Amino acid sequence: MIFPALFFYLFAGVCIAAAVMVVASRNPVHSVLFLILAFVNAAALFILLGAEFLAMILIIVYVGAVLVLFLFVVMMLDVDFSELRQGFLQYLPIGALLGGILLIELVLVLIGWTVGPGVRQTIAAPIPSPASVLNTEALGHVLYTRYVYFFQAAGVVLLVAMIGAIVLTLRHKPYVKRQSIAEQIARTKASAIEIVKVRPGQGL
């Protein structure tokens, strides 16, 4: 019983420290790398809870796809962060106000936090199903029936993020020839061929 507790505190401590470094790091590439570390430790916590499928999804989807996409976007945008920080002081009062409101909301949530008597049983068996149903099957049943609209909304958000990353990193170089399908379809004989009459004994 002592080893799971030790691993829990280890993974939870590293996850919290990595989350703090995501916000505190000055280099955006380092922030993305710390976010990857936080997700890996969160996946380890899922494994300790017995949710192996969620841990695998967290590693494959978020670490393997979304965060790597963020990393490439940050590295390819070449943003001048010193120029972005120049107008930081003029937005400081608004940011402090929003941060204070968020802090008050978090304090109110923590003060009003109550644990019901049947929470432990609900966490242990969130879906009333027979013992033959596996964890992955039960999760898929809930995800594609009760929460299908939220699942589709999350897919749309990820699709928009991917399109935005492609648009931001796309660079059109003027000296590179590119194919225009519309111009190729709209070509006629007059625009595609130029007939030059050459007199005998005279070059072009």
C-alpha atoms as a PDB file:
ATOM      1  CA  MET A   1       0.000   0.000   0.000  1.00  0.00           C
ATOM      2  CA  ILE A   2       2.959   2.297   0.574  1.00  0.00           C
ATOM      3  CA  PHE A   3       4.368   2.004  -2.958  1.00  0.00           C
ATOM      4  CA  PRO A   4       1.223   3.288  -4.754  1.00  0.00           C
ATOM      5  CA  ALA A   5       1.131   6.239  -2.346  1.00  0.00           C
ATOM      6  CA  LEU A   6       4.793   7.035  -3.013  1.00  0.00           C
ATOM      7  CA  PHE A   7       4.310   6.870  -6.788  1.00  0.00           C
ATOM      8  CA  PHE A   8       1.165   9.011  -6.491  1.00  0.00           C
ATOM      9  CA  TYR A   9       2.989  11.770  -4.617  1.00  0.00           C
ATOM     10  CA  LEU A  10       5.937  11.522  -7.026  1.00  0.00           C
ATOM     11  CA  PHE A  11       3.829  11.823 -10.185  1.00  0.00           C
ATOM     12  CA  ALA A  12       1.535  14.451  -8.662  1.00  0.00           C
ATOM     13  CA  GLY A  13       4.461  16.576  -7.475  1.00  0.00           C
ATOM     14  CA  VAL A  14       6.220  16.452 -10.829  1.00  0.00           C
ATOM     15  CA  CYS A  15       2.928  17.219 -12.610  1.00  0.00           C
ATOM     16  CA  ILE A  16       2.289  20.294 -10.445  1.00  0.00           C
ATOM     17  CA  ALA A  17       5.890  21.492 -10.809  1.00  0.00           C
ATOM     18  CA  ALA A  18       5.737  21.069 -14.593  1.00  0.00           C
ATOM     19  CA  ALA A  19       2.416  22.943 -14.729  1.00  0.00           C
ATOM     20  CA  VAL A  20       3.954  25.838 -12.784  1.00  0.00           C
ATOM     21  CA  MET A  21       6.943  25.891 -15.138  1.00  0.00           C
ATOM     22  CA  VAL A  22       4.596  26.047 -18.141  1.00  0.00           C
ATOM     23  CA  VAL A  23       3.406  29.433 -16.892  1.00  0.00           C
ATOM     24  CA  ALA A  24       6.706  30.651 -15.425  1.00  0.00           C
ATOM     25  CA  SER A  25       9.028  29.704 -18.279  1.00  0.00           C
ATOM     26  CA  ARG A  26      10.181  32.598 -20.458  1.00  0.00           C
ATOM     27  CA  ASN A  27      10.919  30.456 -23.505  1.00  0.00           C
ATOM     28  CA  PRO A  28       7.713  29.254 -25.238  1.00  0.00           C
ATOM     29  CA  VAL A  29       9.435  26.095 -26.495  1.00  0.00           C
ATOM     30  CA  HIS A  30      10.380  25.220 -22.916  1.00  0.00           C
ATOM     31  CA  SER A  31       6.769  25.862 -21.883  1.00  0.00           C
ATOM     32  CA  VAL A  32       5.522  23.330 -24.428  1.00  0.00           C
ATOM     33  CA  LEU A  33       8.116  20.783 -23.267  1.00  0.00           C
ATOM     34  CA  PHE A  34       7.051  21.270 -19.638  1.00  0.00           C
ATOM     35  CA  LEU A  35       3.430  20.807 -20.717  1.00  0.00           C
ATOM     36  CA  ILE A  36       4.399  17.484 -22.315  1.00  0.00           C
ATOM     37  CA  LEU A  37       6.021  16.476 -19.005  1.00  0.00           C
ATOM     38  CA  ALA A  38       2.839  17.433 -17.125  1.00  0.00           C
ATOM     39  CA  PHE A  39       0.700  15.331 -19.469  1.00  0.00           C
ATOM     40  CA  VAL A  40       3.004  12.320 -19.102  1.00  0.00           C
ATOM     41  CA  ASN A  41       2.749  12.469 -15.313  1.00  0.00           C
ATOM     42  CA  ALA A  42      -1.033  12.911 -15.544  1.00  0.00           C
ATOM     43  CA  ALA A  43      -1.119   9.765 -17.679  1.00  0.00           C
ATOM     44  CA  ALA A  44       0.864   7.963 -14.963  1.00  0.00           C
ATOM     45  CA  LEU A  45      -1.739   9.068 -12.418  1.00  0.00           C
ATOM     46  CA  PHE A  46      -4.473   7.645 -14.653  1.00  0.00           C
ATOM     47  CA  ILE A  47      -2.621   4.319 -14.696  1.00  0.00           C
ATOM     48  CA  LEU A  48      -2.498   4.327 -10.894  1.00  0.00           C
ATOM     49  CA  LEU A  49      -6.275   4.858 -10.872  1.00  0.00           C
ATOM     50  CA  GLY A  50      -6.796   1.908 -13.205  1.00  0.00           C
ATOM     51  CA  ALA A  51      -7.835   3.982 -16.233  1.00  0.00           C
ATOM     52  CA  GLU A  52      -5.293   2.649 -18.732  1.00  0.00           C
ATOM     53  CA  PHE A  53      -7.324   3.706 -21.748  1.00  0.00           C
ATOM     54  CA  LEU A  54      -7.417   7.348 -20.646  1.00  0.00           C
ATOM     55  CA  ALA A  55      -3.658   7.274 -20.039  1.00  0.00           C
ATOM     56  CA  MET A  56      -3.039   5.875 -23.517  1.00  0.00           C
ATOM     57  CA  ILE A  57      -5.328   8.482 -25.111  1.00  0.00           C
ATOM     58  CA  LEU A  58      -3.588  11.265 -23.170  1.00  0.00           C
ATOM     59  CA  ILE A  59      -0.182  10.146 -24.458  1.00  0.00           C
ATOM     60  CA  ILE A  60      -1.192   9.399 -28.057  1.00  0.00           C
ATOM     61  CA  VAL A  61      -3.604  12.272 -28.729  1.00  0.00           C
ATOM     62  CA  TYR A  62      -2.355  15.161 -26.616  1.00  0.00           C
ATOM     63  CA  VAL A  63       1.365  14.472 -26.283  1.00  0.00           C
ATOM     64  CA  GLY A  64       1.786  12.797 -29.659  1.00  0.00           C
ATOM     65  CA  ALA A  65      -0.368  15.115 -31.754  1.00  0.00           C
ATOM     66  CA  VAL A  66      -1.625  18.316 -30.165  1.00  0.00           C
ATOM     67  CA  LEU A  67       1.469  19.342 -28.213  1.00  0.00           C
ATOM     68  CA  VAL A  68       3.849  18.386 -31.005  1.00  0.00           C
ATOM     69  CA  LEU A  69       1.690  20.559 -33.272  1.00  0.00           C
ATOM     70  CA  PHE A  70       1.992  23.428 -30.776  1.00  0.00           C
ATOM     71  CA  LEU A  71       5.750  22.903 -30.620  1.00  0.00           C
ATOM     72  CA  PHE A  72       6.139  23.106 -34.384  1.00  0.00           C
ATOM     73  CA  VAL A  73       3.912  26.196 -34.538  1.00  0.00           C
ATOM     74  CA  VAL A  74       5.920  27.971 -31.830  1.00  0.00           C
ATOM     75  CA  MET A  75       9.212  27.075 -33.505  1.00  0.00           C
ATOM     76  CA  MET A  76       8.083  28.049 -37.015  1.00  0.00           C
ATOM     77  CA  LEU A  77       6.241  31.287 -36.233  1.00  0.00           C
ATOM     78  CA  ASP A  78       9.437  33.110 -35.202  1.00  0.00           C
ATOM     79  CA  VAL A  79       7.496  35.560 -33.036  1.00  0.00           C
ATOM     80  CA  ASP A  80       9.353  38.536 -31.578  1.00  0.00           C
ATOM     81  CA  PHE A  81       8.321  38.169 -27.933  1.00  0.00           C
ATOM     82  CA  SER A  82      10.260  41.261 -26.848  1.00  0.00           C
ATOM     83  CA  GLU A  83       8.017  43.341 -29.104  1.00  0.00           C
ATOM     84  CA  LEU A  84       4.897  41.686 -27.681  1.00  0.00           C
ATOM     85  CA  ARG A  85       5.950  42.525 -24.121  1.00  0.00           C
ATOM     86  CA  GLN A  86       6.235  46.249 -24.838  1.00  0.00           C
ATOM     87  CA  GLY A  87       2.526  46.936 -24.217  1.00  0.00           C
ATOM     88  CA  PHE A  88       2.347  44.711 -21.145  1.00  0.00           C
ATOM     89  CA  LEU A  89       1.960  47.484 -18.549  1.00  0.00           C
ATOM     90  CA  GLN A  90      -1.091  49.073 -20.147  1.00  0.00           C
ATOM     91  CA  TYR A  91      -3.025  45.785 -19.901  1.00  0.00           C
ATOM     92  CA  LEU A  92      -1.786  45.014 -16.380  1.00  0.00           C
ATOM     93  CA  PRO A  93      -4.831  46.495 -14.502  1.00  0.00           C
ATOM     94  CA  ILE A  94      -7.315  44.515 -16.621  1.00  0.00           C
ATOM     95  CA  GLY A  95      -5.263  41.352 -16.201  1.00  0.00           C
ATOM     96  CA  ALA A  96      -5.018  41.907 -12.447  1.00  0.00           C
ATOM     97  CA  LEU A  97      -8.790  42.418 -12.244  1.00  0.00           C
ATOM     98  CA  LEU A  98      -9.530  39.223 -14.170  1.00  0.00           C
ATOM     99  CA  GLY A  99      -6.969  37.306 -12.120  1.00  0.00           C
ATOM    100  CA  GLY A 100      -8.557  38.548  -8.879  1.00  0.00           C
ATOM    101  CA  ILE A 101     -12.019  37.498 -10.032  1.00  0.00           C
ATOM    102  CA  LEU A 102     -10.711  34.041 -10.951  1.00  0.00           C
ATOM    103  CA  LEU A 103      -8.954  33.739  -7.580  1.00  0.00           C
ATOM    104  CA  ILE A 104     -12.152  34.668  -5.730  1.00  0.00           C
ATOM    105  CA  GLU A 105     -14.106  32.061  -7.723  1.00  0.00           C
ATOM    106  CA  LEU A 106     -11.536  29.376  -6.909  1.00  0.00           C
ATOM    107  CA  VAL A 107     -11.645  30.272  -3.199  1.00  0.00           C
ATOM    108  CA  LEU A 108     -15.448  30.092  -3.194  1.00  0.00           C
ATOM    109  CA  VAL A 109     -15.308  26.688  -4.887  1.00  0.00           C
ATOM    110  CA  LEU A 110     -12.831  25.386  -2.308  1.00  0.00           C
ATOM    111  CA  ILE A 111     -14.869  26.769   0.622  1.00  0.00           C
ATOM    112  CA  GLY A 112     -18.103  25.227  -0.650  1.00  0.00           C
ATOM    113  CA  TRP A 113     -16.498  21.876  -1.484  1.00  0.00           C
ATOM    114  CA  THR A 114     -18.453  19.021   0.063  1.00  0.00           C
ATOM    115  CA  VAL A 115     -18.024  15.299  -0.448  1.00  0.00           C
ATOM    116  CA  GLY A 116     -21.225  13.313  -0.529  1.00  0.00           C
ATOM    117  CA  PRO A 117     -21.532   9.952   1.204  1.00  0.00           C
ATOM    118  CA  GLY A 118     -21.956   8.027  -2.057  1.00  0.00           C
ATOM    119  CA  VAL A 119     -19.060   9.600  -3.963  1.00  0.00           C
ATOM    120  CA  ARG A 120     -16.628   6.731  -3.406  1.00  0.00           C
ATOM    121  CA  GLN A 121     -19.084   4.174  -4.764  1.00  0.00           C
ATOM    122  CA  THR A 122     -19.884   6.438  -7.716  1.00  0.00           C
ATOM    123  CA  ILE A 123     -16.203   6.846  -8.617  1.00  0.00           C
ATOM    124  CA  ALA A 124     -15.562   3.125  -8.278  1.00  0.00           C
ATOM    125  CA  ALA A 125     -18.510   2.185 -10.523  1.00  0.00           C
ATOM    126  CA  PRO A 126     -19.631   5.191 -12.598  1.00  0.00           C
ATOM    127  CA  ILE A 127     -21.729   3.055 -14.961  1.00  0.00           C
ATOM    128  CA  PRO A 128     -24.042   0.299 -13.780  1.00  0.00           C
ATOM    129  CA  SER A 129     -22.906  -2.490 -16.079  1.00  0.00           C
ATOM    130  CA  PRO A 130     -22.191  -6.190 -15.792  1.00  0.00           C
ATOM    131  CA  ALA A 131     -18.749  -7.357 -14.803  1.00  0.00           C
ATOM    132  CA  SER A 132     -18.031  -8.614 -18.331  1.00  0.00           C
ATOM    133  CA  VAL A 133     -17.970  -5.040 -19.728  1.00  0.00           C
ATOM    134  CA  LEU A 134     -14.429  -3.705 -19.892  1.00  0.00           C
ATOM    135  CA  ASN A 135     -13.364  -0.201 -18.928  1.00  0.00           C
ATOM    136  CA  THR A 136     -12.818   0.850 -22.547  1.00  0.00           C
ATOM    137  CA  GLU A 137     -16.206  -0.465 -23.662  1.00  0.00           C
ATOM    138  CA  ALA A 138     -18.026   1.279 -20.809  1.00  0.00           C
ATOM    139  CA  LEU A 139     -16.212   4.549 -21.546  1.00  0.00           C
ATOM    140  CA  GLY A 140     -17.075   4.324 -25.247  1.00  0.00           C
ATOM    141  CA  HIS A 141     -20.715   3.621 -24.412  1.00  0.00           C
ATOM    142  CA  VAL A 142     -20.961   6.776 -22.292  1.00  0.00           C
ATOM    143  CA  LEU A 143     -18.895   8.889 -24.703  1.00  0.00           C
ATOM    144  CA  TYR A 144     -20.905   8.050 -27.821  1.00  0.00           C
ATOM    145  CA  THR A 145     -24.356   8.154 -26.206  1.00  0.00           C
ATOM    146  CA  ARG A 146     -24.615  10.582 -23.315  1.00  0.00           C
ATOM    147  CA  TYR A 147     -21.773  12.946 -24.258  1.00  0.00           C
ATOM    148  CA  VAL A 148     -21.716  12.592 -28.041  1.00  0.00           C
ATOM    149  CA  TYR A 149     -22.328  16.316 -28.694  1.00  0.00           C
ATOM    150  CA  PHE A 150     -19.474  17.338 -26.407  1.00  0.00           C
ATOM    151  CA  PHE A 151     -17.267  14.789 -28.149  1.00  0.00           C
ATOM    152  CA  GLN A 152     -18.106  16.249 -31.553  1.00  0.00           C
ATOM    153  CA  ALA A 153     -17.503  19.786 -30.247  1.00  0.00           C
ATOM    154  CA  ALA A 154     -14.049  18.751 -29.017  1.00  0.00           C
ATOM    155  CA  GLY A 155     -13.291  17.320 -32.467  1.00  0.00           C
ATOM    156  CA  VAL A 156     -14.321  20.595 -34.112  1.00  0.00           C
ATOM    157  CA  VAL A 157     -12.069  22.559 -31.739  1.00  0.00           C
ATOM    158  CA  LEU A 158      -9.094  20.342 -32.586  1.00  0.00           C
ATOM    159  CA  LEU A 159      -9.844  20.657 -36.315  1.00  0.00           C
ATOM    160  CA  VAL A 160      -9.925  24.460 -36.052  1.00  0.00           C
ATOM    161  CA  ALA A 161      -6.632  24.391 -34.132  1.00  0.00           C
ATOM    162  CA  MET A 162      -5.023  22.266 -36.837  1.00  0.00           C
ATOM    163  CA  ILE A 163      -6.271  24.535 -39.642  1.00  0.00           C
ATOM    164  CA  GLY A 164      -5.084  27.605 -37.742  1.00  0.00           C
ATOM    165  CA  ALA A 165      -1.628  26.105 -37.272  1.00  0.00           C
ATOM    166  CA  ILE A 166      -1.370  25.328 -40.993  1.00  0.00           C
ATOM    167  CA  VAL A 167      -2.500  28.846 -41.951  1.00  0.00           C
ATOM    168  CA  LEU A 168      -0.075  30.506 -39.538  1.00  0.00           C
ATOM    169  CA  THR A 169       2.935  28.476 -40.656  1.00  0.00           C
ATOM    170  CA  LEU A 170       2.226  28.638 -44.392  1.00  0.00           C
ATOM    171  CA  ARG A 171       4.733  30.793 -46.240  1.00  0.00           C
ATOM    172  CA  HIS A 172       4.311  31.734 -49.925  1.00  0.00           C
ATOM    173  CA  LYS A 173       7.700  32.451 -51.463  1.00  0.00           C
ATOM    174  CA  PRO A 174       7.502  34.707 -54.524  1.00  0.00           C
ATOM    175  CA  TYR A 175      10.240  32.954 -56.496  1.00  0.00           C
ATOM    176  CA  VAL A 176       8.694  29.482 -56.201  1.00  0.00           C
ATOM    177  CA  LYS A 177       6.394  28.359 -59.017  1.00  0.00           C
ATOM    178  CA  ARG A 178       3.038  27.110 -57.760  1.00  0.00           C
ATOM    179  CA  GLN A 179       0.258  25.233 -59.468  1.00  0.00           C
ATOM    180  CA  SER A 180      -3.077  27.018 -59.945  1.00  0.00           C
ATOM    181  CA  ILE A 181      -5.864  24.562 -60.703  1.00  0.00           C
ATOM    182  CA  ALA A 182      -8.341  27.339 -61.573  1.00  0.00           C
ATOM    183  CA  GLU A 183      -6.017  28.838 -64.182  1.00  0.00           C
ATOM    184  CA  GLN A 184      -5.346  25.412 -65.696  1.00  0.00           C
ATOM    185  CA  ILE A 185      -9.062  24.654 -66.020  1.00  0.00           C
ATOM    186  CA  ALA A 186      -9.810  28.100 -67.510  1.00  0.00           C
ATOM    187  CA  ARG A 187      -7.141  27.853 -70.211  1.00  0.00           C
ATOM    188  CA  THR A 188      -8.245  28.174 -73.825  1.00  0.00           C
ATOM    189  CA  LYS A 189      -6.496  27.660 -77.121  1.00  0.00           C
ATOM    190  CA  ALA A 190      -5.910  31.392 -77.467  1.00  0.00           C
ATOM    191  CA  SER A 191      -4.237  31.706 -74.069  1.00  0.00           C
ATOM    192  CA  ALA A 192      -2.290  28.445 -74.237  1.00  0.00           C
ATOM    193  CA  ILE A 193      -0.833  28.631 -77.753  1.00  0.00           C
ATOM    194  CA  GLU A 194       0.822  31.533 -79.530  1.00  0.00           C
ATOM    195  CA  ILE A 195       1.210  31.123 -83.288  1.00  0.00           C
ATOM    196  CA  VAL A 196       4.091  33.095 -84.783  1.00  0.00           C
ATOM    197  CA  LYS A 197       4.448  33.420 -88.529  1.00  0.00           C
ATOM    198  CA  VAL A 198       8.097  33.311 -89.511  1.00  0.00           C
ATOM    199  CA  ARG A 199       9.142  34.476 -92.932  1.00  0.00           C
ATOM    200  CA  PRO A 200      11.533  32.327 -94.915  1.00  0.00           C
ATOM    201  CA  GLY A 201      15.147  33.102 -94.140  1.00  0.00           C
ATOM    202  CA  GLN A 202      14.331  35.082 -91.019  1.00  0.00           C
ATOM    203  CA  GLY A 203      14.738  33.880 -87.478  1.00  0.00           C
ATOM    204  CA  LEU A 204      12.512  34.506 -84.506  1.00  0.00           C
END
